[in-house]
mmCIF file of all heavy atoms, coordinates in Angstrom:
data_MODEL
# 
_entry.id   MODEL 
# 
loop_
_atom_site.group_PDB 
_atom_site.id 
_atom_site.type_symbol 
_atom_site.label_atom_id 
_atom_site.label_alt_id 
_atom_site.label_comp_id 
_atom_site.label_asym_id 
_atom_site.label_entity_id 
_atom_site.label_seq_id 
_atom_site.pdbx_PDB_ins_code 
_atom_site.Cartn_x 
_atom_site.Cartn_y 
_atom_site.Cartn_z 
_atom_site.occupancy 
_atom_site.B_iso_or_equiv 
_atom_site.pdbx_formal_charge 
_atom_site.auth_seq_id 
_atom_site.auth_comp_id 
_atom_site.auth_asym_id 
_atom_site.auth_atom_id 
_atom_site.pdbx_PDB_model_num 
ATOM 1   N N   . HIS A 1 1  ? 0.835  -1.208  0.000   1.00 0.00 ? 1  HIS A N   1 
ATOM 2   C CA  . HIS A 1 1  ? 0.000  0.000   0.000   1.00 0.00 ? 1  HIS A CA  1 
ATOM 3   C C   . HIS A 1 1  ? 0.867  1.256   0.000   1.00 0.00 ? 1  HIS A C   1 
ATOM 4   O O   . HIS A 1 1  ? 0.524  2.254   -0.660  1.00 0.00 ? 1  HIS A O   1 
ATOM 5   C CB  . HIS A 1 1  ? -0.886 -0.006  1.249   1.00 0.00 ? 1  HIS A CB  1 
ATOM 6   C CG  . HIS A 1 1  ? -1.808 1.165   1.337   1.00 0.00 ? 1  HIS A CG  1 
ATOM 7   N ND1 . HIS A 1 1  ? -2.947 1.287   0.567   1.00 0.00 ? 1  HIS A ND1 1 
ATOM 8   C CD2 . HIS A 1 1  ? -1.761 2.286   2.119   1.00 0.00 ? 1  HIS A CD2 1 
ATOM 9   C CE1 . HIS A 1 1  ? -3.559 2.418   0.860   1.00 0.00 ? 1  HIS A CE1 1 
ATOM 10  N NE2 . HIS A 1 1  ? -2.864 3.047   1.793   1.00 0.00 ? 1  HIS A NE2 1 
ATOM 11  N N   . ALA A 1 2  ? 1.992  1.203   0.687   1.00 0.00 ? 2  ALA A N   1 
ATOM 12  C CA  . ALA A 1 2  ? 2.866  2.373   0.808   1.00 0.00 ? 2  ALA A CA  1 
ATOM 13  C C   . ALA A 1 2  ? 3.375  2.845   -0.545  1.00 0.00 ? 2  ALA A C   1 
ATOM 14  O O   . ALA A 1 2  ? 3.402  4.046   -0.831  1.00 0.00 ? 2  ALA A O   1 
ATOM 15  C CB  . ALA A 1 2  ? 4.037  2.053   1.728   1.00 0.00 ? 2  ALA A CB  1 
ATOM 16  N N   . ILE A 1 3  ? 3.785  1.914   -1.387  1.00 0.00 ? 3  ILE A N   1 
ATOM 17  C CA  . ILE A 1 3  ? 4.449  2.307   -2.639  1.00 0.00 ? 3  ILE A CA  1 
ATOM 18  C C   . ILE A 1 3  ? 3.511  2.332   -3.840  1.00 0.00 ? 3  ILE A C   1 
ATOM 19  O O   . ILE A 1 3  ? 3.924  2.743   -4.918  1.00 0.00 ? 3  ILE A O   1 
ATOM 20  C CB  . ILE A 1 3  ? 5.649  1.384   -2.928  1.00 0.00 ? 3  ILE A CB  1 
ATOM 21  C CG1 . ILE A 1 3  ? 5.179  -0.045  -3.276  1.00 0.00 ? 3  ILE A CG1 1 
ATOM 22  C CG2 . ILE A 1 3  ? 6.629  1.364   -1.752  1.00 0.00 ? 3  ILE A CG2 1 
ATOM 23  C CD1 . ILE A 1 3  ? 6.292  -0.928  -3.808  1.00 0.00 ? 3  ILE A CD1 1 
ATOM 24  N N   . GLU A 1 4  ? 2.268  1.928   -3.651  1.00 0.00 ? 4  GLU A N   1 
ATOM 25  C CA  . GLU A 1 4  ? 1.336  1.785   -4.775  1.00 0.00 ? 4  GLU A CA  1 
ATOM 26  C C   . GLU A 1 4  ? 1.247  3.032   -5.662  1.00 0.00 ? 4  GLU A C   1 
ATOM 27  O O   . GLU A 1 4  ? 1.279  2.904   -6.892  1.00 0.00 ? 4  GLU A O   1 
ATOM 28  C CB  . GLU A 1 4  ? -0.049 1.406   -4.251  1.00 0.00 ? 4  GLU A CB  1 
ATOM 29  C CG  . GLU A 1 4  ? -1.056 1.147   -5.354  1.00 0.00 ? 4  GLU A CG  1 
ATOM 30  C CD  . GLU A 1 4  ? -2.407 0.741   -4.785  1.00 0.00 ? 4  GLU A CD  1 
ATOM 31  O OE1 . GLU A 1 4  ? -2.581 0.765   -3.546  1.00 0.00 ? 4  GLU A OE1 1 
ATOM 32  O OE2 . GLU A 1 4  ? -3.277 0.393   -5.597  1.00 0.00 ? 4  GLU A OE2 1 
ATOM 33  N N   . PRO A 1 5  ? 1.148  4.258   -5.123  1.00 0.00 ? 5  PRO A N   1 
ATOM 34  C CA  . PRO A 1 5  ? 1.003  5.422   -6.014  1.00 0.00 ? 5  PRO A CA  1 
ATOM 35  C C   . PRO A 1 5  ? 2.284  5.798   -6.759  1.00 0.00 ? 5  PRO A C   1 
ATOM 36  O O   . PRO A 1 5  ? 2.237  6.612   -7.676  1.00 0.00 ? 5  PRO A O   1 
ATOM 37  C CB  . PRO A 1 5  ? 0.613  6.554   -5.053  1.00 0.00 ? 5  PRO A CB  1 
ATOM 38  C CG  . PRO A 1 5  ? 0.245  5.901   -3.769  1.00 0.00 ? 5  PRO A CG  1 
ATOM 39  C CD  . PRO A 1 5  ? 1.046  4.648   -3.714  1.00 0.00 ? 5  PRO A CD  1 
ATOM 40  N N   . TYR A 1 6  ? 3.407  5.230   -6.371  1.00 0.00 ? 6  TYR A N   1 
ATOM 41  C CA  . TYR A 1 6  ? 4.691  5.722   -6.858  1.00 0.00 ? 6  TYR A CA  1 
ATOM 42  C C   . TYR A 1 6  ? 5.399  4.764   -7.815  1.00 0.00 ? 6  TYR A C   1 
ATOM 43  O O   . TYR A 1 6  ? 6.467  5.091   -8.328  1.00 0.00 ? 6  TYR A O   1 
ATOM 44  C CB  . TYR A 1 6  ? 5.612  6.009   -5.669  1.00 0.00 ? 6  TYR A CB  1 
ATOM 45  C CG  . TYR A 1 6  ? 4.912  6.800   -4.587  1.00 0.00 ? 6  TYR A CG  1 
ATOM 46  C CD1 . TYR A 1 6  ? 4.557  6.205   -3.373  1.00 0.00 ? 6  TYR A CD1 1 
ATOM 47  C CD2 . TYR A 1 6  ? 4.561  8.132   -4.784  1.00 0.00 ? 6  TYR A CD2 1 
ATOM 48  C CE1 . TYR A 1 6  ? 3.899  6.917   -2.391  1.00 0.00 ? 6  TYR A CE1 1 
ATOM 49  C CE2 . TYR A 1 6  ? 3.892  8.858   -3.801  1.00 0.00 ? 6  TYR A CE2 1 
ATOM 50  C CZ  . TYR A 1 6  ? 3.565  8.243   -2.613  1.00 0.00 ? 6  TYR A CZ  1 
ATOM 51  O OH  . TYR A 1 6  ? 2.906  8.959   -1.631  1.00 0.00 ? 6  TYR A OH  1 
ATOM 52  N N   . THR A 1 7  ? 4.838  3.604   -8.035  1.00 0.00 ? 7  THR A N   1 
ATOM 53  C CA  . THR A 1 7  ? 5.438  2.647   -8.951  1.00 0.00 ? 7  THR A CA  1 
ATOM 54  C C   . THR A 1 7  ? 4.368  1.716   -9.483  1.00 0.00 ? 7  THR A C   1 
ATOM 55  O O   . THR A 1 7  ? 3.397  1.400   -8.781  1.00 0.00 ? 7  THR A O   1 
ATOM 56  C CB  . THR A 1 7  ? 6.546  1.827   -8.265  1.00 0.00 ? 7  THR A CB  1 
ATOM 57  O OG1 . THR A 1 7  ? 7.062  0.855   -9.180  1.00 0.00 ? 7  THR A OG1 1 
ATOM 58  C CG2 . THR A 1 7  ? 6.027  1.107   -7.027  1.00 0.00 ? 7  THR A CG2 1 
ATOM 59  N N   . GLU A 1 8  ? 4.538  1.280   -10.714 1.00 0.00 ? 8  GLU A N   1 
ATOM 60  C CA  . GLU A 1 8  ? 3.598  0.320   -11.299 1.00 0.00 ? 8  GLU A CA  1 
ATOM 61  C C   . GLU A 1 8  ? 3.993  -1.115  -10.991 1.00 0.00 ? 8  GLU A C   1 
ATOM 62  O O   . GLU A 1 8  ? 3.184  -2.024  -11.152 1.00 0.00 ? 8  GLU A O   1 
ATOM 63  C CB  . GLU A 1 8  ? 3.521  0.519   -12.818 1.00 0.00 ? 8  GLU A CB  1 
ATOM 64  C CG  . GLU A 1 8  ? 2.925  1.866   -13.229 1.00 0.00 ? 8  GLU A CG  1 
ATOM 65  C CD  . GLU A 1 8  ? 2.822  2.012   -14.723 1.00 0.00 ? 8  GLU A CD  1 
ATOM 66  O OE1 . GLU A 1 8  ? 3.215  1.073   -15.450 1.00 0.00 ? 8  GLU A OE1 1 
ATOM 67  O OE2 . GLU A 1 8  ? 2.348  3.074   -15.180 1.00 0.00 ? 8  GLU A OE2 1 
ATOM 68  N N   . LYS A 1 9  ? 5.227  -1.307  -10.569 1.00 0.00 ? 9  LYS A N   1 
ATOM 69  C CA  . LYS A 1 9  ? 5.719  -2.659  -10.303 1.00 0.00 ? 9  LYS A CA  1 
ATOM 70  C C   . LYS A 1 9  ? 5.165  -3.177  -8.990  1.00 0.00 ? 9  LYS A C   1 
ATOM 71  O O   . LYS A 1 9  ? 5.093  -2.453  -8.001  1.00 0.00 ? 9  LYS A O   1 
ATOM 72  C CB  . LYS A 1 9  ? 7.246  -2.660  -10.259 1.00 0.00 ? 9  LYS A CB  1 
ATOM 73  C CG  . LYS A 1 9  ? 7.854  -4.040  -10.007 1.00 0.00 ? 9  LYS A CG  1 
ATOM 74  C CD  . LYS A 1 9  ? 9.359  -3.990  -10.140 1.00 0.00 ? 9  LYS A CD  1 
ATOM 75  C CE  . LYS A 1 9  ? 10.001 -5.307  -9.702  1.00 0.00 ? 9  LYS A CE  1 
ATOM 76  N NZ  . LYS A 1 9  ? 9.476  -6.478  -10.416 1.00 0.00 ? 9  LYS A NZ  1 
ATOM 77  N N   . ARG A 1 10 ? 4.750  -4.415  -8.983  1.00 0.00 ? 10 ARG A N   1 
ATOM 78  C CA  . ARG A 1 10 ? 4.313  -5.076  -7.761  1.00 0.00 ? 10 ARG A CA  1 
ATOM 79  C C   . ARG A 1 10 ? 5.362  -6.107  -7.371  1.00 0.00 ? 10 ARG A C   1 
ATOM 80  O O   . ARG A 1 10 ? 5.784  -6.924  -8.190  1.00 0.00 ? 10 ARG A O   1 
ATOM 81  C CB  . ARG A 1 10 ? 2.947  -5.750  -7.971  1.00 0.00 ? 10 ARG A CB  1 
ATOM 82  C CG  . ARG A 1 10 ? 1.832  -4.727  -8.180  1.00 0.00 ? 10 ARG A CG  1 
ATOM 83  C CD  . ARG A 1 10 ? 1.644  -3.866  -6.947  1.00 0.00 ? 10 ARG A CD  1 
ATOM 84  N NE  . ARG A 1 10 ? 0.789  -2.694  -7.165  1.00 0.00 ? 10 ARG A NE  1 
ATOM 85  C CZ  . ARG A 1 10 ? 1.237  -1.472  -7.363  1.00 0.00 ? 10 ARG A CZ  1 
ATOM 86  N NH1 . ARG A 1 10 ? 2.546  -1.245  -7.399  1.00 0.00 ? 10 ARG A NH1 1 
ATOM 87  N NH2 . ARG A 1 10 ? 0.421  -0.460  -7.544  1.00 0.00 ? 10 ARG A NH2 1 
ATOM 88  N N   . HIS A 1 11 ? 5.773  -6.069  -6.123  1.00 0.00 ? 11 HIS A N   1 
ATOM 89  C CA  . HIS A 1 11 ? 6.912  -6.871  -5.691  1.00 0.00 ? 11 HIS A CA  1 
ATOM 90  C C   . HIS A 1 11 ? 6.448  -8.155  -4.998  1.00 0.00 ? 11 HIS A C   1 
ATOM 91  O O   . HIS A 1 11 ? 5.418  -8.191  -4.332  1.00 0.00 ? 11 HIS A O   1 
ATOM 92  C CB  . HIS A 1 11 ? 7.791  -6.050  -4.759  1.00 0.00 ? 11 HIS A CB  1 
ATOM 93  C CG  . HIS A 1 11 ? 8.387  -4.847  -5.423  1.00 0.00 ? 11 HIS A CG  1 
ATOM 94  N ND1 . HIS A 1 11 ? 9.485  -4.919  -6.235  1.00 0.00 ? 11 HIS A ND1 1 
ATOM 95  C CD2 . HIS A 1 11 ? 8.001  -3.542  -5.429  1.00 0.00 ? 11 HIS A CD2 1 
ATOM 96  C CE1 . HIS A 1 11 ? 9.773  -3.714  -6.700  1.00 0.00 ? 11 HIS A CE1 1 
ATOM 97  N NE2 . HIS A 1 11 ? 8.885  -2.864  -6.225  1.00 0.00 ? 11 HIS A NE2 1 
ATOM 98  N N   . THR A 1 12 ? 7.251  -9.190  -5.167  1.00 0.00 ? 12 THR A N   1 
ATOM 99  C CA  . THR A 1 12 ? 6.950  -10.484 -4.554  1.00 0.00 ? 12 THR A CA  1 
ATOM 100 C C   . THR A 1 12 ? 7.312  -10.446 -3.075  1.00 0.00 ? 12 THR A C   1 
ATOM 101 O O   . THR A 1 12 ? 8.047  -9.563  -2.607  1.00 0.00 ? 12 THR A O   1 
ATOM 102 C CB  . THR A 1 12 ? 7.753  -11.603 -5.229  1.00 0.00 ? 12 THR A CB  1 
ATOM 103 O OG1 . THR A 1 12 ? 9.164  -11.377 -4.983  1.00 0.00 ? 12 THR A OG1 1 
ATOM 104 C CG2 . THR A 1 12 ? 7.506  -11.617 -6.733  1.00 0.00 ? 12 THR A CG2 1 
ATOM 105 N N   . ARG A 1 13 ? 6.807  -11.423 -2.348  1.00 0.00 ? 13 ARG A N   1 
ATOM 106 C CA  . ARG A 1 13 ? 7.154  -11.547 -0.930  1.00 0.00 ? 13 ARG A CA  1 
ATOM 107 C C   . ARG A 1 13 ? 8.666  -11.700 -0.767  1.00 0.00 ? 13 ARG A C   1 
ATOM 108 O O   . ARG A 1 13 ? 9.262  -11.132 0.152   1.00 0.00 ? 13 ARG A O   1 
ATOM 109 C CB  . ARG A 1 13 ? 6.435  -12.757 -0.330  1.00 0.00 ? 13 ARG A CB  1 
ATOM 110 C CG  . ARG A 1 13 ? 4.930  -12.627 -0.344  1.00 0.00 ? 13 ARG A CG  1 
ATOM 111 C CD  . ARG A 1 13 ? 4.248  -13.968 -0.093  1.00 0.00 ? 13 ARG A CD  1 
ATOM 112 N NE  . ARG A 1 13 ? 4.278  -14.360 1.291   1.00 0.00 ? 13 ARG A NE  1 
ATOM 113 C CZ  . ARG A 1 13 ? 3.327  -14.064 2.179   1.00 0.00 ? 13 ARG A CZ  1 
ATOM 114 N NH1 . ARG A 1 13 ? 2.288  -13.326 1.819   1.00 0.00 ? 13 ARG A NH1 1 
ATOM 115 N NH2 . ARG A 1 13 ? 3.405  -14.492 3.411   1.00 0.00 ? 13 ARG A NH2 1 
ATOM 116 N N   . GLU A 1 14 ? 9.265  -12.459 -1.686  1.00 0.00 ? 14 GLU A N   1 
ATOM 117 C CA  . GLU A 1 14 ? 10.702 -12.697 -1.592  1.00 0.00 ? 14 GLU A CA  1 
ATOM 118 C C   . GLU A 1 14 ? 11.491 -11.401 -1.769  1.00 0.00 ? 14 GLU A C   1 
ATOM 119 O O   . GLU A 1 14 ? 12.518 -11.193 -1.112  1.00 0.00 ? 14 GLU A O   1 
ATOM 120 C CB  . GLU A 1 14 ? 11.134 -13.730 -2.643  1.00 0.00 ? 14 GLU A CB  1 
ATOM 121 C CG  . GLU A 1 14 ? 10.679 -15.153 -2.362  1.00 0.00 ? 14 GLU A CG  1 
ATOM 122 C CD  . GLU A 1 14 ? 9.169  -15.347 -2.523  1.00 0.00 ? 14 GLU A CD  1 
ATOM 123 O OE1 . GLU A 1 14 ? 8.549  -14.610 -3.330  1.00 0.00 ? 14 GLU A OE1 1 
ATOM 124 O OE2 . GLU A 1 14 ? 8.606  -16.224 -1.826  1.00 0.00 ? 14 GLU A OE2 1 
ATOM 125 N N   . GLU A 1 15 ? 11.023 -10.524 -2.662  1.00 0.00 ? 15 GLU A N   1 
ATOM 126 C CA  . GLU A 1 15 ? 11.694 -9.240  -2.853  1.00 0.00 ? 15 GLU A CA  1 
ATOM 127 C C   . GLU A 1 15 ? 11.587 -8.377  -1.595  1.00 0.00 ? 15 GLU A C   1 
ATOM 128 O O   . GLU A 1 15 ? 12.551 -7.708  -1.208  1.00 0.00 ? 15 GLU A O   1 
ATOM 129 C CB  . GLU A 1 15 ? 11.103 -8.515  -4.057  1.00 0.00 ? 15 GLU A CB  1 
ATOM 130 C CG  . GLU A 1 15 ? 11.502 -9.133  -5.398  1.00 0.00 ? 15 GLU A CG  1 
ATOM 131 C CD  . GLU A 1 15 ? 10.803 -8.475  -6.567  1.00 0.00 ? 15 GLU A CD  1 
ATOM 132 O OE1 . GLU A 1 15 ? 9.559  -8.320  -6.518  1.00 0.00 ? 15 GLU A OE1 1 
ATOM 133 O OE2 . GLU A 1 15 ? 11.491 -8.128  -7.541  1.00 0.00 ? 15 GLU A OE2 1 
ATOM 134 N N   . TRP A 1 16 ? 10.416 -8.395  -0.974  1.00 0.00 ? 16 TRP A N   1 
ATOM 135 C CA  . TRP A 1 16 ? 10.265 -7.643  0.271   1.00 0.00 ? 16 TRP A CA  1 
ATOM 136 C C   . TRP A 1 16 ? 11.151 -8.237  1.365   1.00 0.00 ? 16 TRP A C   1 
ATOM 137 O O   . TRP A 1 16 ? 11.825 -7.504  2.094   1.00 0.00 ? 16 TRP A O   1 
ATOM 138 C CB  . TRP A 1 16 ? 8.807  -7.627  0.716   1.00 0.00 ? 16 TRP A CB  1 
ATOM 139 C CG  . TRP A 1 16 ? 7.927  -6.681  -0.036  1.00 0.00 ? 16 TRP A CG  1 
ATOM 140 C CD1 . TRP A 1 16 ? 6.834  -6.981  -0.807  1.00 0.00 ? 16 TRP A CD1 1 
ATOM 141 C CD2 . TRP A 1 16 ? 8.042  -5.250  -0.076  1.00 0.00 ? 16 TRP A CD2 1 
ATOM 142 N NE1 . TRP A 1 16 ? 6.274  -5.832  -1.336  1.00 0.00 ? 16 TRP A NE1 1 
ATOM 143 C CE2 . TRP A 1 16 ? 6.995  -4.759  -0.895  1.00 0.00 ? 16 TRP A CE2 1 
ATOM 144 C CE3 . TRP A 1 16 ? 8.935  -4.337  0.489   1.00 0.00 ? 16 TRP A CE3 1 
ATOM 145 C CZ2 . TRP A 1 16 ? 6.811  -3.403  -1.148  1.00 0.00 ? 16 TRP A CZ2 1 
ATOM 146 C CZ3 . TRP A 1 16 ? 8.765  -2.985  0.237   1.00 0.00 ? 16 TRP A CZ3 1 
ATOM 147 C CH2 . TRP A 1 16 ? 7.714  -2.529  -0.569  1.00 0.00 ? 16 TRP A CH2 1 
ATOM 148 N N   . PHE A 1 17 ? 11.154 -9.569  1.485   1.00 0.00 ? 17 PHE A N   1 
ATOM 149 C CA  . PHE A 1 17 ? 11.980 -10.214 2.515   1.00 0.00 ? 17 PHE A CA  1 
ATOM 150 C C   . PHE A 1 17 ? 13.449 -9.820  2.352   1.00 0.00 ? 17 PHE A C   1 
ATOM 151 O O   . PHE A 1 17 ? 14.148 -9.563  3.331   1.00 0.00 ? 17 PHE A O   1 
ATOM 152 C CB  . PHE A 1 17 ? 11.862 -11.738 2.439   1.00 0.00 ? 17 PHE A CB  1 
ATOM 153 C CG  . PHE A 1 17 ? 10.522 -12.279 2.831   1.00 0.00 ? 17 PHE A CG  1 
ATOM 154 C CD1 . PHE A 1 17 ? 10.116 -13.536 2.393   1.00 0.00 ? 17 PHE A CD1 1 
ATOM 155 C CD2 . PHE A 1 17 ? 9.657  -11.552 3.629   1.00 0.00 ? 17 PHE A CD2 1 
ATOM 156 C CE1 . PHE A 1 17 ? 8.879  -14.047 2.746   1.00 0.00 ? 17 PHE A CE1 1 
ATOM 157 C CE2 . PHE A 1 17 ? 8.414  -12.051 3.983   1.00 0.00 ? 17 PHE A CE2 1 
ATOM 158 C CZ  . PHE A 1 17 ? 8.028  -13.307 3.543   1.00 0.00 ? 17 PHE A CZ  1 
ATOM 159 N N   . ALA A 1 18 ? 13.908 -9.782  1.108   1.00 0.00 ? 18 ALA A N   1 
ATOM 160 C CA  . ALA A 1 18 ? 15.312 -9.453  0.841   1.00 0.00 ? 18 ALA A CA  1 
ATOM 161 C C   . ALA A 1 18 ? 15.638 -8.020  1.253   1.00 0.00 ? 18 ALA A C   1 
ATOM 162 O O   . ALA A 1 18 ? 16.792 -7.702  1.563   1.00 0.00 ? 18 ALA A O   1 
ATOM 163 C CB  . ALA A 1 18 ? 15.622 -9.655  -0.640  1.00 0.00 ? 18 ALA A CB  1 
ATOM 164 N N   . ALA A 1 19 ? 14.622 -7.154  1.258   1.00 0.00 ? 19 ALA A N   1 
ATOM 165 C CA  . ALA A 1 19 ? 14.831 -5.739  1.620   1.00 0.00 ? 19 ALA A CA  1 
ATOM 166 C C   . ALA A 1 19 ? 14.724 -5.501  3.117   1.00 0.00 ? 19 ALA A C   1 
ATOM 167 O O   . ALA A 1 19 ? 15.127 -4.439  3.605   1.00 0.00 ? 19 ALA A O   1 
ATOM 168 C CB  . ALA A 1 19 ? 13.820 -4.866  0.883   1.00 0.00 ? 19 ALA A CB  1 
ATOM 169 N N   . PHE A 1 20 ? 14.163 -6.460  3.871   1.00 0.00 ? 20 PHE A N   1 
ATOM 170 C CA  . PHE A 1 20 ? 13.968 -6.266  5.307   1.00 0.00 ? 20 PHE A CA  1 
ATOM 171 C C   . PHE A 1 20 ? 15.315 -6.115  6.017   1.00 0.00 ? 20 PHE A C   1 
ATOM 172 O O   . PHE A 1 20 ? 16.329 -6.642  5.586   1.00 0.00 ? 20 PHE A O   1 
ATOM 173 C CB  . PHE A 1 20 ? 13.211 -7.444  5.913   1.00 0.00 ? 20 PHE A CB  1 
ATOM 174 C CG  . PHE A 1 20 ? 11.740 -7.458  5.594   1.00 0.00 ? 20 PHE A CG  1 
ATOM 175 C CD1 . PHE A 1 20 ? 10.939 -8.495  6.054   1.00 0.00 ? 20 PHE A CD1 1 
ATOM 176 C CD2 . PHE A 1 20 ? 11.155 -6.478  4.837   1.00 0.00 ? 20 PHE A CD2 1 
ATOM 177 C CE1 . PHE A 1 20 ? 9.577  -8.536  5.775   1.00 0.00 ? 20 PHE A CE1 1 
ATOM 178 C CE2 . PHE A 1 20 ? 9.792  -6.501  4.541   1.00 0.00 ? 20 PHE A CE2 1 
ATOM 179 C CZ  . PHE A 1 20 ? 9.009  -7.533  5.011   1.00 0.00 ? 20 PHE A CZ  1 
ATOM 180 N N   . GLY A 1 21 ? 15.286 -5.416  7.134   1.00 0.00 ? 21 GLY A N   1 
ATOM 181 C CA  . GLY A 1 21 ? 16.477 -5.196  7.946   1.00 0.00 ? 21 GLY A CA  1 
ATOM 182 C C   . GLY A 1 21 ? 16.464 -3.811  8.540   1.00 0.00 ? 21 GLY A C   1 
ATOM 183 O O   . GLY A 1 21 ? 16.397 -3.658  9.759   1.00 0.00 ? 21 GLY A O   1 
ATOM 184 N N   . PRO A 1 22 ? 16.515 -2.779  7.706   1.00 0.00 ? 22 PRO A N   1 
ATOM 185 C CA  . PRO A 1 22 ? 16.426 -1.413  8.240   1.00 0.00 ? 22 PRO A CA  1 
ATOM 186 C C   . PRO A 1 22 ? 14.989 -1.026  8.567   1.00 0.00 ? 22 PRO A C   1 
ATOM 187 O O   . PRO A 1 22 ? 14.053 -1.803  8.341   1.00 0.00 ? 22 PRO A O   1 
ATOM 188 C CB  . PRO A 1 22 ? 16.983 -0.560  7.098   1.00 0.00 ? 22 PRO A CB  1 
ATOM 189 C CG  . PRO A 1 22 ? 16.714 -1.349  5.858   1.00 0.00 ? 22 PRO A CG  1 
ATOM 190 C CD  . PRO A 1 22 ? 16.822 -2.789  6.266   1.00 0.00 ? 22 PRO A CD  1 
ATOM 191 N N   . ALA A 1 23 ? 14.800 0.184   9.106   1.00 0.00 ? 23 ALA A N   1 
ATOM 192 C CA  . ALA A 1 23 ? 13.462 0.680   9.431   1.00 0.00 ? 23 ALA A CA  1 
ATOM 193 C C   . ALA A 1 23 ? 12.616 0.805   8.164   1.00 0.00 ? 23 ALA A C   1 
ATOM 194 O O   . ALA A 1 23 ? 13.128 0.860   7.047   1.00 0.00 ? 23 ALA A O   1 
ATOM 195 C CB  . ALA A 1 23 ? 13.563 2.032   10.136  1.00 0.00 ? 23 ALA A CB  1 
ATOM 196 N N   . GLU A 1 24 ? 11.303 0.869   8.359   1.00 0.00 ? 24 GLU A N   1 
ATOM 197 C CA  . GLU A 1 24 ? 10.363 0.793   7.233   1.00 0.00 ? 24 GLU A CA  1 
ATOM 198 C C   . GLU A 1 24 ? 10.627 1.849   6.148   1.00 0.00 ? 24 GLU A C   1 
ATOM 199 O O   . GLU A 1 24 ? 10.541 1.552   4.958   1.00 0.00 ? 24 GLU A O   1 
ATOM 200 C CB  . GLU A 1 24 ? 8.923  0.939   7.734   1.00 0.00 ? 24 GLU A CB  1 
ATOM 201 C CG  . GLU A 1 24 ? 8.461  -0.160  8.652   1.00 0.00 ? 24 GLU A CG  1 
ATOM 202 C CD  . GLU A 1 24 ? 8.596  0.179   10.118  1.00 0.00 ? 24 GLU A CD  1 
ATOM 203 O OE1 . GLU A 1 24 ? 9.254  1.182   10.440  1.00 0.00 ? 24 GLU A OE1 1 
ATOM 204 O OE2 . GLU A 1 24 ? 8.051  -0.565  10.941  1.00 0.00 ? 24 GLU A OE2 1 
ATOM 205 N N   . MET A 1 25 ? 10.950 3.072   6.565   1.00 0.00 ? 25 MET A N   1 
ATOM 206 C CA  . MET A 1 25 ? 11.150 4.123   5.570   1.00 0.00 ? 25 MET A CA  1 
ATOM 207 C C   . MET A 1 25 ? 12.328 3.793   4.655   1.00 0.00 ? 25 MET A C   1 
ATOM 208 O O   . MET A 1 25 ? 12.301 4.067   3.453   1.00 0.00 ? 25 MET A O   1 
ATOM 209 C CB  . MET A 1 25 ? 11.351 5.477   6.235   1.00 0.00 ? 25 MET A CB  1 
ATOM 210 C CG  . MET A 1 25 ? 11.117 6.639   5.269   1.00 0.00 ? 25 MET A CG  1 
ATOM 211 S SD  . MET A 1 25 ? 11.319 8.277   6.010   1.00 0.00 ? 25 MET A SD  1 
ATOM 212 C CE  . MET A 1 25 ? 10.101 8.227   7.326   1.00 0.00 ? 25 MET A CE  1 
ATOM 213 N N   . ASP A 1 26 ? 13.364 3.185   5.216   1.00 0.00 ? 26 ASP A N   1 
ATOM 214 C CA  . ASP A 1 26 ? 14.522 2.809   4.403   1.00 0.00 ? 26 ASP A CA  1 
ATOM 215 C C   . ASP A 1 26 ? 14.228 1.603   3.526   1.00 0.00 ? 26 ASP A C   1 
ATOM 216 O O   . ASP A 1 26 ? 14.787 1.478   2.426   1.00 0.00 ? 26 ASP A O   1 
ATOM 217 C CB  . ASP A 1 26 ? 15.724 2.536   5.301   1.00 0.00 ? 26 ASP A CB  1 
ATOM 218 C CG  . ASP A 1 26 ? 16.240 3.803   5.973   1.00 0.00 ? 26 ASP A CG  1 
ATOM 219 O OD1 . ASP A 1 26 ? 16.173 4.873   5.335   1.00 0.00 ? 26 ASP A OD1 1 
ATOM 220 O OD2 . ASP A 1 26 ? 16.695 3.730   7.120   1.00 0.00 ? 26 ASP A OD2 1 
ATOM 221 N N   . VAL A 1 27 ? 13.380 0.702   3.998   1.00 0.00 ? 27 VAL A N   1 
ATOM 222 C CA  . VAL A 1 27 ? 12.935 -0.403  3.138   1.00 0.00 ? 27 VAL A CA  1 
ATOM 223 C C   . VAL A 1 27 ? 12.168 0.156   1.939   1.00 0.00 ? 27 VAL A C   1 
ATOM 224 O O   . VAL A 1 27 ? 12.408 -0.212  0.786   1.00 0.00 ? 27 VAL A O   1 
ATOM 225 C CB  . VAL A 1 27 ? 12.054 -1.394  3.931   1.00 0.00 ? 27 VAL A CB  1 
ATOM 226 C CG1 . VAL A 1 27 ? 11.430 -2.427  2.993   1.00 0.00 ? 27 VAL A CG1 1 
ATOM 227 C CG2 . VAL A 1 27 ? 12.866 -2.083  5.016   1.00 0.00 ? 27 VAL A CG2 1 
# 
């Protein structure tokens, strides 16, 4: 929901998992 207005690409769970680690804004 956060990125929906700013990109047409929809990311997989695996892509999100790979980005996890820093705080939400940095993800």
